[in-house]
Amino acid sequence: MGAKSEPPAKYQGFIARFPKLGQAWALCAEAGKEGPLSERTARLLKLAMSMAALREGAVHSGVRKALDLGMNREEIEQIVSLLPGTIGFPATAAVYTWVQDVLAKRKKG
């Protein structure tokens, strides 16, 4: 399992500026951990949802967190391969580039 990534500076700045929103965000995260799903399964689902919703920042974050949990490139890219039937090919290509953004940074760093 890899080392846990630090949240991006922009996120940290947002939380510093709006601490109550940060608390609400933390409560949402806590509530999502309740239930029978493993952390790994929940992380894969959240990543898939962010991809399908075309949320670039959430995809970047989700890929970082998936890698932190020890998931590999192939697992993450398989999620991308499941998207075209739901979101179409052009949107899938965009998601693929967002995933590659993070994978390339991890490879360098």
N, C-alpha and C. Protein backbone atom coordinates (compact mmCIF):
# COMPACT_ATOMS: atom_id res chain seq x y z
N MET A 1 0.85 -1.18 0.00
CA MET A 1 0.00 0.00 0.00
C MET A 1 0.89 1.23 0.00
N GLY A 2 0.55 2.25 -0.79
CA GLY A 2 1.34 3.46 -0.88
C GLY A 2 1.10 4.40 0.29
N ALA A 3 1.93 5.41 0.34
CA ALA A 3 1.76 6.44 1.37
C ALA A 3 0.54 7.28 1.05
N LYS A 4 -0.12 7.75 2.08
CA LYS A 4 -1.32 8.57 1.88
C LYS A 4 -0.93 9.94 1.36
N SER A 5 -1.61 10.38 0.31
CA SER A 5 -1.36 11.69 -0.27
C SER A 5 -1.89 12.79 0.63
N GLU A 6 -1.21 13.91 0.61
CA GLU A 6 -1.72 15.10 1.29
C GLU A 6 -2.79 15.73 0.40
N PRO A 7 -3.85 16.26 0.99
CA PRO A 7 -4.84 16.96 0.18
C PRO A 7 -4.17 18.14 -0.55
N PRO A 8 -4.64 18.44 -1.77
CA PRO A 8 -4.05 19.55 -2.51
C PRO A 8 -4.16 20.87 -1.74
N ALA A 9 -3.25 21.77 -2.03
CA ALA A 9 -3.21 23.08 -1.35
C ALA A 9 -4.51 23.84 -1.54
N LYS A 10 -5.12 23.75 -2.71
CA LYS A 10 -6.37 24.47 -2.95
C LYS A 10 -7.48 23.96 -2.04
N TYR A 11 -7.54 22.65 -1.82
CA TYR A 11 -8.53 22.09 -0.91
C TYR A 11 -8.26 22.59 0.51
N GLN A 12 -7.00 22.54 0.92
CA GLN A 12 -6.65 22.99 2.26
C GLN A 12 -7.00 24.47 2.46
N GLY A 13 -6.77 25.26 1.41
CA GLY A 13 -7.12 26.67 1.48
C GLY A 13 -8.62 26.89 1.57
N PHE A 14 -9.38 26.09 0.83
CA PHE A 14 -10.84 26.17 0.87
C PHE A 14 -11.35 25.86 2.27
N ILE A 15 -10.84 24.80 2.87
CA ILE A 15 -11.26 24.39 4.21
C ILE A 15 -10.85 25.44 5.25
N ALA A 16 -9.68 26.03 5.06
CA ALA A 16 -9.24 27.09 5.99
C ALA A 16 -10.16 28.30 5.89
N ARG A 17 -10.59 28.60 4.68
CA ARG A 17 -11.47 29.77 4.47
C ARG A 17 -12.89 29.49 4.95
N PHE A 18 -13.36 28.26 4.78
CA PHE A 18 -14.73 27.88 5.13
C PHE A 18 -14.72 26.66 6.06
N PRO A 19 -14.33 26.84 7.31
CA PRO A 19 -14.19 25.70 8.22
C PRO A 19 -15.48 24.91 8.44
N LYS A 20 -16.61 25.56 8.44
CA LYS A 20 -17.87 24.82 8.64
C LYS A 20 -18.16 23.91 7.46
N LEU A 21 -17.82 24.35 6.26
CA LEU A 21 -17.97 23.48 5.10
C LEU A 21 -17.01 22.30 5.20
N GLY A 22 -15.83 22.55 5.75
CA GLY A 22 -14.88 21.46 5.98
C GLY A 22 -15.43 20.44 6.96
N GLN A 23 -16.10 20.92 8.01
CA GLN A 23 -16.71 20.01 8.98
C GLN A 23 -17.82 19.21 8.33
N ALA A 24 -18.63 19.87 7.50
CA ALA A 24 -19.72 19.17 6.80
C ALA A 24 -19.15 18.12 5.86
N TRP A 25 -18.07 18.47 5.17
CA TRP A 25 -17.41 17.54 4.26
C TRP A 25 -16.93 16.31 5.03
N ALA A 26 -16.32 16.54 6.20
CA ALA A 26 -15.83 15.44 7.03
C ALA A 26 -16.99 14.56 7.50
N LEU A 27 -18.12 15.17 7.86
CA LEU A 27 -19.29 14.39 8.28
C LEU A 27 -19.83 13.52 7.14
N CYS A 28 -19.85 14.07 5.94
CA CYS A 28 -20.29 13.29 4.77
C CYS A 28 -19.36 12.09 4.56
N ALA A 29 -18.07 12.32 4.69
CA ALA A 29 -17.11 11.23 4.52
C ALA A 29 -17.30 10.16 5.59
N GLU A 30 -17.53 10.59 6.82
CA GLU A 30 -17.78 9.66 7.92
C GLU A 30 -19.02 8.82 7.68
N ALA A 31 -20.10 9.49 7.26
CA ALA A 31 -21.37 8.80 7.02
C ALA A 31 -21.21 7.76 5.90
N GLY A 32 -20.39 8.07 4.92
CA GLY A 32 -20.17 7.14 3.81
C GLY A 32 -19.42 5.89 4.21
N LYS A 33 -18.76 5.92 5.35
CA LYS A 33 -18.01 4.76 5.82
C LYS A 33 -18.89 3.77 6.58
N GLU A 34 -20.10 4.20 6.94
CA GLU A 34 -21.01 3.31 7.67
C GLU A 34 -21.65 2.35 6.68
N GLY A 35 -21.67 1.10 7.01
CA GLY A 35 -22.29 0.11 6.14
C GLY A 35 -21.33 -1.01 5.81
N PRO A 36 -21.79 -1.96 5.01
CA PRO A 36 -21.04 -3.19 4.78
C PRO A 36 -19.92 -3.10 3.74
N LEU A 37 -19.85 -2.03 2.96
CA LEU A 37 -18.83 -1.96 1.91
C LEU A 37 -17.45 -1.78 2.50
N SER A 38 -16.49 -2.47 1.92
CA SER A 38 -15.09 -2.28 2.33
C SER A 38 -14.63 -0.91 1.84
N GLU A 39 -13.55 -0.43 2.43
CA GLU A 39 -12.99 0.86 2.01
C GLU A 39 -12.59 0.81 0.54
N ARG A 40 -12.05 -0.30 0.13
CA ARG A 40 -11.63 -0.48 -1.27
C ARG A 40 -12.82 -0.40 -2.22
N THR A 41 -13.89 -1.12 -1.90
CA THR A 41 -15.09 -1.11 -2.74
C THR A 41 -15.70 0.28 -2.79
N ALA A 42 -15.79 0.92 -1.65
CA ALA A 42 -16.34 2.27 -1.61
C ALA A 42 -15.49 3.23 -2.44
N ARG A 43 -14.18 3.10 -2.36
CA ARG A 43 -13.28 3.97 -3.13
C ARG A 43 -13.49 3.75 -4.63
N LEU A 44 -13.60 2.49 -5.06
CA LEU A 44 -13.83 2.20 -6.48
C LEU A 44 -15.17 2.77 -6.95
N LEU A 45 -16.19 2.64 -6.12
CA LEU A 45 -17.50 3.20 -6.49
C LEU A 45 -17.45 4.71 -6.58
N LYS A 46 -16.82 5.36 -5.62
CA LYS A 46 -16.73 6.82 -5.65
C LYS A 46 -15.95 7.29 -6.88
N LEU A 47 -14.90 6.57 -7.22
CA LEU A 47 -14.13 6.92 -8.41
C LEU A 47 -14.99 6.77 -9.66
N ALA A 48 -15.71 5.67 -9.75
CA ALA A 48 -16.58 5.45 -10.91
C ALA A 48 -17.66 6.53 -11.00
N MET A 49 -18.23 6.92 -9.86
CA MET A 49 -19.26 7.97 -9.87
C MET A 49 -18.68 9.31 -10.33
N SER A 50 -17.49 9.64 -9.85
CA SER A 50 -16.90 10.91 -10.26
C SER A 50 -16.57 10.90 -11.74
N MET A 51 -16.15 9.76 -12.25
CA MET A 51 -15.88 9.64 -13.69
C MET A 51 -17.18 9.83 -14.49
N ALA A 52 -18.22 9.12 -14.09
CA ALA A 52 -19.49 9.19 -14.82
C ALA A 52 -20.11 10.58 -14.75
N ALA A 53 -19.87 11.29 -13.66
CA ALA A 53 -20.41 12.65 -13.49
C ALA A 53 -19.52 13.70 -14.16
N LEU A 54 -18.39 13.26 -14.73
CA LEU A 54 -17.45 14.15 -15.42
C LEU A 54 -16.93 15.27 -14.51
N ARG A 55 -16.55 14.87 -13.31
CA ARG A 55 -16.00 15.81 -12.32
C ARG A 55 -14.48 15.65 -12.29
N GLU A 56 -13.80 16.48 -13.05
CA GLU A 56 -12.35 16.34 -13.23
C GLU A 56 -11.60 16.34 -11.90
N GLY A 57 -11.88 17.30 -11.04
CA GLY A 57 -11.18 17.36 -9.76
C GLY A 57 -11.43 16.13 -8.91
N ALA A 58 -12.66 15.64 -8.92
CA ALA A 58 -12.99 14.44 -8.15
C ALA A 58 -12.31 13.20 -8.74
N VAL A 59 -12.16 13.17 -10.07
CA VAL A 59 -11.44 12.06 -10.69
C VAL A 59 -9.98 12.10 -10.27
N HIS A 60 -9.36 13.27 -10.34
CA HIS A 60 -7.96 13.38 -9.90
C HIS A 60 -7.81 12.91 -8.46
N SER A 61 -8.68 13.41 -7.58
CA SER A 61 -8.64 13.03 -6.17
C SER A 61 -8.89 11.53 -6.00
N GLY A 62 -9.88 11.02 -6.71
CA GLY A 62 -10.23 9.61 -6.59
C GLY A 62 -9.10 8.69 -7.04
N VAL A 63 -8.41 9.07 -8.10
CA VAL A 63 -7.28 8.26 -8.57
C VAL A 63 -6.16 8.30 -7.54
N ARG A 64 -5.86 9.47 -7.00
CA ARG A 64 -4.83 9.56 -5.95
C ARG A 64 -5.18 8.66 -4.76
N LYS A 65 -6.42 8.75 -4.32
CA LYS A 65 -6.84 7.95 -3.16
C LYS A 65 -6.85 6.46 -3.47
N ALA A 66 -7.22 6.09 -4.69
CA ALA A 66 -7.19 4.67 -5.09
C ALA A 66 -5.76 4.16 -5.07
N LEU A 67 -4.84 4.93 -5.60
CA LEU A 67 -3.43 4.53 -5.57
C LEU A 67 -2.91 4.43 -4.14
N ASP A 68 -3.33 5.36 -3.29
CA ASP A 68 -2.93 5.31 -1.88
C ASP A 68 -3.39 4.02 -1.20
N LEU A 69 -4.54 3.49 -1.66
CA LEU A 69 -5.06 2.24 -1.09
C LEU A 69 -4.42 1.00 -1.72
N GLY A 70 -3.49 1.22 -2.65
CA GLY A 70 -2.78 0.10 -3.25
C GLY A 70 -3.37 -0.41 -4.56
N MET A 71 -4.36 0.28 -5.08
CA MET A 71 -4.91 -0.12 -6.38
C MET A 71 -3.89 0.21 -7.46
N ASN A 72 -3.93 -0.54 -8.54
CA ASN A 72 -2.95 -0.33 -9.59
C ASN A 72 -3.57 0.31 -10.83
N ARG A 73 -2.71 0.68 -11.75
CA ARG A 73 -3.11 1.33 -13.00
C ARG A 73 -4.17 0.51 -13.73
N GLU A 74 -3.97 -0.79 -13.81
CA GLU A 74 -4.90 -1.64 -14.57
C GLU A 74 -6.31 -1.61 -13.97
N GLU A 75 -6.40 -1.64 -12.66
CA GLU A 75 -7.71 -1.59 -12.01
C GLU A 75 -8.41 -0.27 -12.28
N ILE A 76 -7.66 0.81 -12.19
CA ILE A 76 -8.24 2.13 -12.41
C ILE A 76 -8.65 2.28 -13.87
N GLU A 77 -7.80 1.83 -14.78
CA GLU A 77 -8.12 1.93 -16.20
C GLU A 77 -9.29 1.03 -16.59
N GLN A 78 -9.50 -0.07 -15.88
CA GLN A 78 -10.67 -0.91 -16.17
C GLN A 78 -11.95 -0.14 -15.90
N ILE A 79 -11.96 0.68 -14.86
CA ILE A 79 -13.14 1.50 -14.58
C ILE A 79 -13.42 2.40 -15.78
N VAL A 80 -12.36 3.00 -16.33
CA VAL A 80 -12.51 3.85 -17.51
C VAL A 80 -13.12 3.05 -18.66
N SER A 81 -12.68 1.82 -18.82
CA SER A 81 -13.17 1.00 -19.94
C SER A 81 -14.65 0.64 -19.82
N LEU A 82 -15.21 0.79 -18.64
CA LEU A 82 -16.63 0.49 -18.43
C LEU A 82 -17.53 1.69 -18.76
N LEU A 83 -16.94 2.85 -18.97
CA LEU A 83 -17.71 4.09 -19.11
C LEU A 83 -18.42 4.31 -20.46
N PRO A 84 -17.86 3.93 -21.60
CA PRO A 84 -18.44 4.39 -22.87
C PRO A 84 -19.93 4.10 -23.06
N GLY A 85 -20.39 2.97 -22.60
CA GLY A 85 -21.81 2.64 -22.77
C GLY A 85 -22.74 3.55 -21.99
N THR A 86 -22.20 4.19 -20.96
CA THR A 86 -23.00 5.07 -20.12
C THR A 86 -22.80 6.55 -20.47
N ILE A 87 -21.55 6.96 -20.67
CA ILE A 87 -21.29 8.39 -20.88
C ILE A 87 -20.83 8.74 -22.29
N GLY A 88 -20.60 7.73 -23.13
CA GLY A 88 -20.17 7.98 -24.51
C GLY A 88 -18.66 8.00 -24.64
N PHE A 89 -18.22 7.89 -25.89
CA PHE A 89 -16.79 7.81 -26.16
C PHE A 89 -16.04 9.12 -25.94
N PRO A 90 -16.55 10.27 -26.40
CA PRO A 90 -15.79 11.51 -26.16
C PRO A 90 -15.60 11.80 -24.67
N ALA A 91 -16.63 11.61 -23.87
CA ALA A 91 -16.52 11.84 -22.43
C ALA A 91 -15.55 10.85 -21.80
N THR A 92 -15.58 9.62 -22.26
CA THR A 92 -14.65 8.61 -21.73
C THR A 92 -13.21 8.99 -22.05
N ALA A 93 -12.99 9.50 -23.24
CA ALA A 93 -11.63 9.94 -23.61
C ALA A 93 -11.16 11.06 -22.69
N ALA A 94 -12.07 11.97 -22.34
CA ALA A 94 -11.72 13.05 -21.41
C ALA A 94 -11.35 12.47 -20.05
N VAL A 95 -12.16 11.56 -19.54
CA VAL A 95 -11.88 10.93 -18.24
C VAL A 95 -10.53 10.23 -18.28
N TYR A 96 -10.25 9.54 -19.38
CA TYR A 96 -8.98 8.85 -19.51
C TYR A 96 -7.81 9.82 -19.35
N THR A 97 -7.92 11.00 -19.95
CA THR A 97 -6.83 11.98 -19.83
C THR A 97 -6.67 12.45 -18.38
N TRP A 98 -7.79 12.60 -17.65
CA TRP A 98 -7.70 13.01 -16.25
C TRP A 98 -7.01 11.95 -15.42
N VAL A 99 -7.32 10.69 -15.69
CA VAL A 99 -6.67 9.59 -14.98
C VAL A 99 -5.17 9.61 -15.28
N GLN A 100 -4.83 9.79 -16.54
CA GLN A 100 -3.43 9.80 -16.95
C GLN A 100 -2.66 10.96 -16.31
N ASP A 101 -3.34 12.09 -16.10
CA ASP A 101 -2.70 13.22 -15.41
C ASP A 101 -2.09 12.77 -14.09
N VAL A 102 -2.88 12.06 -13.31
CA VAL A 102 -2.45 11.63 -11.97
C VAL A 102 -1.43 10.51 -12.07
N LEU A 103 -1.67 9.54 -12.95
CA LEU A 103 -0.74 8.43 -13.08
C LEU A 103 0.64 8.92 -13.52
N ALA A 104 0.67 9.90 -14.42
CA ALA A 104 1.95 10.44 -14.89
C ALA A 104 2.69 11.15 -13.76
N LYS A 105 1.96 11.91 -12.94
CA LYS A 105 2.58 12.61 -11.81
C LYS A 105 3.15 11.61 -10.82
N ARG A 106 2.41 10.53 -10.56
CA ARG A 106 2.88 9.52 -9.61
C ARG A 106 4.12 8.82 -10.14
N LYS A 107 4.15 8.60 -11.44
CA LYS A 107 5.28 7.91 -12.04
C LYS A 107 6.56 8.75 -11.91
N LYS A 108 6.40 10.08 -12.07
CA LYS A 108 7.53 11.00 -11.96
C LYS A 108 8.01 11.14 -10.52
N GLY A 109 7.03 11.22 -9.61
CA GLY A 109 7.35 11.58 -8.24
C GLY A 109 7.59 10.46 -7.35
